[in-house]
Amino acid sequence: MIFARVTGTVVCTLKDEKLVGSKLLLVQPVDLAGSSKGSPLVAVDSVGAGEGELVLIVQGSSARQTSKTDGRPVDAVIFAIVDTVEANGKTAFKKSEDANAK
């Protein structure tokens, strides 16, 4: 599982028929401090995420395990929107206090 920030949307009018109706989002993997880690990627949204939200993504065969991506040509999926993260007994992230969420 990877923390990522939703940074935009991807629109494809022509795509494989198995992806018709799928919402594609541009996500940037991040660490808990919000710093970018690696390259941005496109992920299918299975939970209704929005721009600026901190989400969890999975890649590879795990990306085809959600009810919206089963049997589809998907390599990355957003499967959760993060509400809080606690690390070492402290709150490292709280959605209600996140200045990046829109």
N, C-alpha and C. Protein backbone atom coordinates (compact mmCIF):
# COMPACT_ATOMS: atom_id res chain seq x y z
N MET A 1 0.84 -1.18 0.00
CA MET A 1 0.00 0.00 0.00
C MET A 1 0.89 1.24 0.00
N ILE A 2 0.43 2.25 -0.70
CA ILE A 2 1.22 3.46 -0.90
C ILE A 2 0.36 4.68 -0.58
N PHE A 3 0.92 5.61 0.23
CA PHE A 3 0.25 6.90 0.42
C PHE A 3 0.45 7.72 -0.84
N ALA A 4 -0.60 8.42 -1.28
CA ALA A 4 -0.49 9.29 -2.45
C ALA A 4 -1.46 10.45 -2.30
N ARG A 5 -1.15 11.53 -2.98
CA ARG A 5 -2.01 12.71 -2.99
C ARG A 5 -2.64 12.81 -4.37
N VAL A 6 -3.95 13.00 -4.44
CA VAL A 6 -4.62 13.18 -5.73
C VAL A 6 -4.28 14.59 -6.23
N THR A 7 -3.71 14.65 -7.44
CA THR A 7 -3.28 15.94 -7.98
C THR A 7 -4.06 16.37 -9.22
N GLY A 8 -4.87 15.50 -9.76
CA GLY A 8 -5.63 15.88 -10.95
C GLY A 8 -6.45 14.73 -11.49
N THR A 9 -7.06 14.98 -12.63
CA THR A 9 -7.88 13.97 -13.30
C THR A 9 -7.30 13.66 -14.67
N VAL A 10 -7.62 12.51 -15.17
CA VAL A 10 -7.20 12.09 -16.51
C VAL A 10 -8.46 11.72 -17.28
N VAL A 11 -8.65 12.36 -18.43
CA VAL A 11 -9.83 12.09 -19.26
C VAL A 11 -9.37 11.41 -20.54
N CYS A 12 -9.98 10.28 -20.83
CA CYS A 12 -9.68 9.52 -22.05
C CYS A 12 -11.00 9.18 -22.72
N THR A 13 -11.31 9.84 -23.82
CA THR A 13 -12.58 9.56 -24.48
C THR A 13 -12.57 8.20 -25.16
N LEU A 14 -11.41 7.77 -25.63
CA LEU A 14 -11.27 6.44 -26.22
C LEU A 14 -10.42 5.59 -25.27
N LYS A 15 -10.99 4.48 -24.82
CA LYS A 15 -10.28 3.58 -23.92
C LYS A 15 -10.88 2.19 -24.04
N ASP A 16 -10.20 1.21 -23.49
CA ASP A 16 -10.71 -0.15 -23.50
C ASP A 16 -12.11 -0.17 -22.91
N GLU A 17 -12.99 -0.96 -23.52
CA GLU A 17 -14.39 -1.01 -23.08
C GLU A 17 -14.54 -1.42 -21.62
N LYS A 18 -13.58 -2.16 -21.08
CA LYS A 18 -13.65 -2.56 -19.68
C LYS A 18 -13.39 -1.39 -18.73
N LEU A 19 -12.88 -0.27 -19.26
CA LEU A 19 -12.62 0.91 -18.43
C LEU A 19 -13.66 2.00 -18.59
N VAL A 20 -14.62 1.79 -19.47
CA VAL A 20 -15.69 2.78 -19.66
C VAL A 20 -16.41 2.94 -18.32
N GLY A 21 -16.58 4.18 -17.91
CA GLY A 21 -17.24 4.47 -16.63
C GLY A 21 -16.27 4.55 -15.46
N SER A 22 -15.01 4.23 -15.67
CA SER A 22 -14.01 4.31 -14.60
C SER A 22 -13.47 5.73 -14.51
N LYS A 23 -13.33 6.24 -13.31
CA LYS A 23 -12.76 7.56 -13.06
C LYS A 23 -11.25 7.38 -12.89
N LEU A 24 -10.48 8.10 -13.71
CA LEU A 24 -9.03 8.03 -13.66
C LEU A 24 -8.49 9.28 -13.00
N LEU A 25 -7.62 9.10 -12.02
CA LEU A 25 -7.04 10.23 -11.30
C LEU A 25 -5.53 10.19 -11.37
N LEU A 26 -4.92 11.37 -11.40
CA LEU A 26 -3.48 11.50 -11.34
C LEU A 26 -3.11 11.57 -9.86
N VAL A 27 -2.20 10.70 -9.43
CA VAL A 27 -1.79 10.68 -8.03
C VAL A 27 -0.28 10.78 -7.93
N GLN A 28 0.17 11.44 -6.85
CA GLN A 28 1.59 11.57 -6.58
C GLN A 28 1.90 10.84 -5.28
N PRO A 29 2.69 9.77 -5.33
CA PRO A 29 3.08 9.12 -4.08
C PRO A 29 3.80 10.11 -3.16
N VAL A 30 3.50 10.03 -1.86
CA VAL A 30 4.08 10.96 -0.87
C VAL A 30 4.46 10.21 0.39
N ASP A 31 5.32 10.86 1.21
CA ASP A 31 5.58 10.34 2.55
C ASP A 31 4.61 11.02 3.52
N LEU A 32 4.67 10.69 4.80
CA LEU A 32 3.73 11.26 5.76
C LEU A 32 3.87 12.76 5.94
N ALA A 33 5.03 13.29 5.60
CA ALA A 33 5.24 14.74 5.68
C ALA A 33 4.66 15.45 4.46
N GLY A 34 4.20 14.67 3.48
CA GLY A 34 3.63 15.25 2.27
C GLY A 34 4.62 15.46 1.15
N SER A 35 5.87 15.06 1.35
CA SER A 35 6.89 15.22 0.31
C SER A 35 6.73 14.15 -0.76
N SER A 36 6.89 14.57 -2.01
CA SER A 36 6.76 13.65 -3.15
C SER A 36 7.80 12.55 -3.09
N LYS A 37 7.38 11.35 -3.48
CA LYS A 37 8.26 10.18 -3.56
C LYS A 37 8.03 9.53 -4.92
N GLY A 38 8.97 9.64 -5.81
CA GLY A 38 8.83 9.00 -7.10
C GLY A 38 8.00 9.79 -8.08
N SER A 39 7.61 9.11 -9.14
CA SER A 39 6.88 9.73 -10.24
C SER A 39 5.37 9.64 -10.04
N PRO A 40 4.63 10.61 -10.57
CA PRO A 40 3.16 10.52 -10.51
C PRO A 40 2.68 9.36 -11.37
N LEU A 41 1.47 8.89 -11.09
CA LEU A 41 0.90 7.82 -11.87
C LEU A 41 -0.61 7.99 -11.96
N VAL A 42 -1.19 7.24 -12.87
CA VAL A 42 -2.64 7.26 -13.06
C VAL A 42 -3.23 6.06 -12.34
N ALA A 43 -4.30 6.30 -11.57
CA ALA A 43 -4.95 5.22 -10.83
C ALA A 43 -6.46 5.29 -11.04
N VAL A 44 -7.09 4.14 -11.09
CA VAL A 44 -8.55 4.07 -11.14
C VAL A 44 -9.07 4.38 -9.74
N ASP A 45 -10.07 5.23 -9.65
CA ASP A 45 -10.66 5.60 -8.37
C ASP A 45 -11.83 4.66 -8.06
N SER A 46 -11.72 3.88 -6.99
CA SER A 46 -12.81 2.97 -6.63
C SER A 46 -13.62 3.46 -5.43
N VAL A 47 -13.26 4.65 -4.89
CA VAL A 47 -13.92 5.11 -3.65
C VAL A 47 -14.46 6.54 -3.70
N GLY A 48 -14.35 7.22 -4.82
CA GLY A 48 -14.87 8.59 -4.90
C GLY A 48 -13.94 9.65 -4.35
N ALA A 49 -12.65 9.46 -4.54
CA ALA A 49 -11.66 10.42 -4.05
C ALA A 49 -11.71 11.71 -4.85
N GLY A 50 -11.23 12.79 -4.24
CA GLY A 50 -11.21 14.08 -4.90
C GLY A 50 -9.83 14.69 -4.89
N GLU A 51 -9.67 15.71 -5.70
CA GLU A 51 -8.38 16.38 -5.81
C GLU A 51 -7.92 16.90 -4.45
N GLY A 52 -6.64 16.68 -4.16
CA GLY A 52 -6.04 17.14 -2.92
C GLY A 52 -6.10 16.13 -1.78
N GLU A 53 -6.92 15.10 -1.90
CA GLU A 53 -7.05 14.15 -0.80
C GLU A 53 -5.87 13.20 -0.71
N LEU A 54 -5.56 12.80 0.53
CA LEU A 54 -4.56 11.77 0.76
C LEU A 54 -5.27 10.43 0.66
N VAL A 55 -4.73 9.55 -0.16
CA VAL A 55 -5.38 8.27 -0.43
C VAL A 55 -4.37 7.13 -0.29
N LEU A 56 -4.89 5.91 -0.28
CA LEU A 56 -4.05 4.73 -0.35
C LEU A 56 -4.25 4.08 -1.71
N ILE A 57 -3.15 3.69 -2.32
CA ILE A 57 -3.23 3.01 -3.61
C ILE A 57 -2.49 1.68 -3.51
N VAL A 58 -2.86 0.77 -4.38
CA VAL A 58 -2.11 -0.46 -4.57
C VAL A 58 -1.85 -0.61 -6.06
N GLN A 59 -0.80 -1.35 -6.36
CA GLN A 59 -0.42 -1.56 -7.75
C GLN A 59 -0.30 -3.05 -8.04
N GLY A 60 -0.17 -3.38 -9.31
CA GLY A 60 0.02 -4.75 -9.73
C GLY A 60 -1.26 -5.57 -9.61
N SER A 61 -1.11 -6.86 -9.36
CA SER A 61 -2.28 -7.74 -9.33
C SER A 61 -3.26 -7.35 -8.22
N SER A 62 -2.79 -6.73 -7.15
CA SER A 62 -3.70 -6.27 -6.08
C SER A 62 -4.67 -5.21 -6.57
N ALA A 63 -4.27 -4.47 -7.59
CA ALA A 63 -5.13 -3.41 -8.13
C ALA A 63 -6.38 -3.96 -8.81
N ARG A 64 -6.37 -5.23 -9.12
CA ARG A 64 -7.51 -5.86 -9.78
C ARG A 64 -8.39 -6.64 -8.79
N GLN A 65 -8.27 -6.31 -7.51
CA GLN A 65 -9.00 -7.04 -6.48
C GLN A 65 -10.22 -6.29 -5.94
N THR A 66 -10.47 -5.05 -6.37
CA THR A 66 -11.64 -4.32 -5.88
C THR A 66 -12.86 -4.68 -6.73
N SER A 67 -14.02 -4.40 -6.21
CA SER A 67 -15.25 -4.72 -6.96
C SER A 67 -15.34 -3.93 -8.27
N LYS A 68 -14.71 -2.75 -8.33
CA LYS A 68 -14.78 -1.93 -9.55
C LYS A 68 -13.67 -2.25 -10.55
N THR A 69 -12.66 -2.99 -10.13
CA THR A 69 -11.54 -3.25 -11.04
C THR A 69 -11.34 -4.73 -11.36
N ASP A 70 -12.14 -5.60 -10.81
CA ASP A 70 -12.01 -7.05 -11.04
C ASP A 70 -12.12 -7.36 -12.53
N GLY A 71 -11.09 -8.01 -13.06
CA GLY A 71 -11.10 -8.41 -14.47
C GLY A 71 -10.84 -7.28 -15.44
N ARG A 72 -10.37 -6.14 -14.95
CA ARG A 72 -10.10 -5.00 -15.83
C ARG A 72 -8.60 -4.76 -15.96
N PRO A 73 -8.16 -4.11 -17.05
CA PRO A 73 -6.74 -3.87 -17.27
C PRO A 73 -6.23 -2.69 -16.43
N VAL A 74 -6.04 -2.94 -15.15
CA VAL A 74 -5.68 -1.89 -14.19
C VAL A 74 -4.38 -2.25 -13.49
N ASP A 75 -3.48 -1.28 -13.34
CA ASP A 75 -2.23 -1.52 -12.63
C ASP A 75 -2.14 -0.70 -11.35
N ALA A 76 -3.04 0.26 -11.15
CA ALA A 76 -3.05 1.06 -9.91
C ALA A 76 -4.49 1.45 -9.60
N VAL A 77 -4.86 1.33 -8.32
CA VAL A 77 -6.22 1.68 -7.91
C VAL A 77 -6.18 2.41 -6.57
N ILE A 78 -7.03 3.43 -6.47
CA ILE A 78 -7.25 4.10 -5.18
C ILE A 78 -8.34 3.29 -4.49
N PHE A 79 -8.00 2.74 -3.32
CA PHE A 79 -8.97 1.89 -2.63
C PHE A 79 -9.38 2.45 -1.27
N ALA A 80 -8.78 3.58 -0.84
CA ALA A 80 -9.15 4.17 0.45
C ALA A 80 -8.79 5.64 0.47
N ILE A 81 -9.61 6.42 1.18
CA ILE A 81 -9.31 7.83 1.46
C ILE A 81 -8.90 7.89 2.92
N VAL A 82 -7.75 8.48 3.20
CA VAL A 82 -7.18 8.48 4.55
C VAL A 82 -7.86 9.54 5.41
N ASP A 83 -8.31 9.12 6.60
CA ASP A 83 -8.89 10.04 7.58
C ASP A 83 -7.85 10.46 8.61
N THR A 84 -7.17 9.50 9.21
CA THR A 84 -6.12 9.79 10.18
C THR A 84 -5.01 8.75 10.07
N VAL A 85 -3.82 9.17 10.48
CA VAL A 85 -2.68 8.27 10.57
C VAL A 85 -2.02 8.54 11.92
N GLU A 86 -1.81 7.49 12.70
CA GLU A 86 -1.10 7.61 13.96
C GLU A 86 0.20 6.82 13.85
N ALA A 87 1.30 7.46 14.27
CA ALA A 87 2.60 6.81 14.23
C ALA A 87 3.35 7.15 15.51
N ASN A 88 3.90 6.16 16.14
CA ASN A 88 4.65 6.36 17.38
C ASN A 88 3.84 7.08 18.45
N GLY A 89 2.57 6.75 18.54
CA GLY A 89 1.72 7.33 19.57
C GLY A 89 1.26 8.75 19.30
N LYS A 90 1.57 9.29 18.12
CA LYS A 90 1.19 10.66 17.78
C LYS A 90 0.41 10.68 16.48
N THR A 91 -0.47 11.66 16.33
CA THR A 91 -1.21 11.82 15.09
C THR A 91 -0.30 12.44 14.05
N ALA A 92 -0.02 11.69 13.00
CA ALA A 92 0.85 12.16 11.92
C ALA A 92 0.06 12.85 10.82
N PHE A 93 -1.24 12.51 10.70
CA PHE A 93 -2.10 13.10 9.67
C PHE A 93 -3.53 13.07 10.15
N LYS A 94 -4.25 14.15 9.90
CA LYS A 94 -5.67 14.22 10.21
C LYS A 94 -6.36 14.97 9.07
N LYS A 95 -7.27 14.29 8.39
CA LYS A 95 -7.92 14.86 7.21
C LYS A 95 -8.58 16.21 7.52
N SER A 96 -9.22 16.31 8.67
CA SER A 96 -9.92 17.54 9.01
C SER A 96 -8.98 18.74 9.18
N GLU A 97 -7.68 18.46 9.34
CA GLU A 97 -6.69 19.54 9.49
C GLU A 97 -5.78 19.66 8.27
N ASP A 98 -6.09 18.94 7.20
CA ASP A 98 -5.25 18.90 6.01
C ASP A 98 -5.52 20.11 5.11
N ALA A 99 -4.53 20.97 4.99
CA ALA A 99 -4.67 22.17 4.17
C ALA A 99 -4.70 21.86 2.68
N ASN A 100 -4.23 20.67 2.27
CA ASN A 100 -4.17 20.32 0.86
C ASN A 100 -5.50 19.79 0.32
N ALA A 101 -6.34 19.25 1.19
CA ALA A 101 -7.63 18.70 0.74
C ALA A 101 -8.54 19.84 0.32
N LYS A 102 -9.26 19.61 -0.78
CA LYS A 102 -10.15 20.66 -1.31
C LYS A 102 -11.57 20.30 -1.10
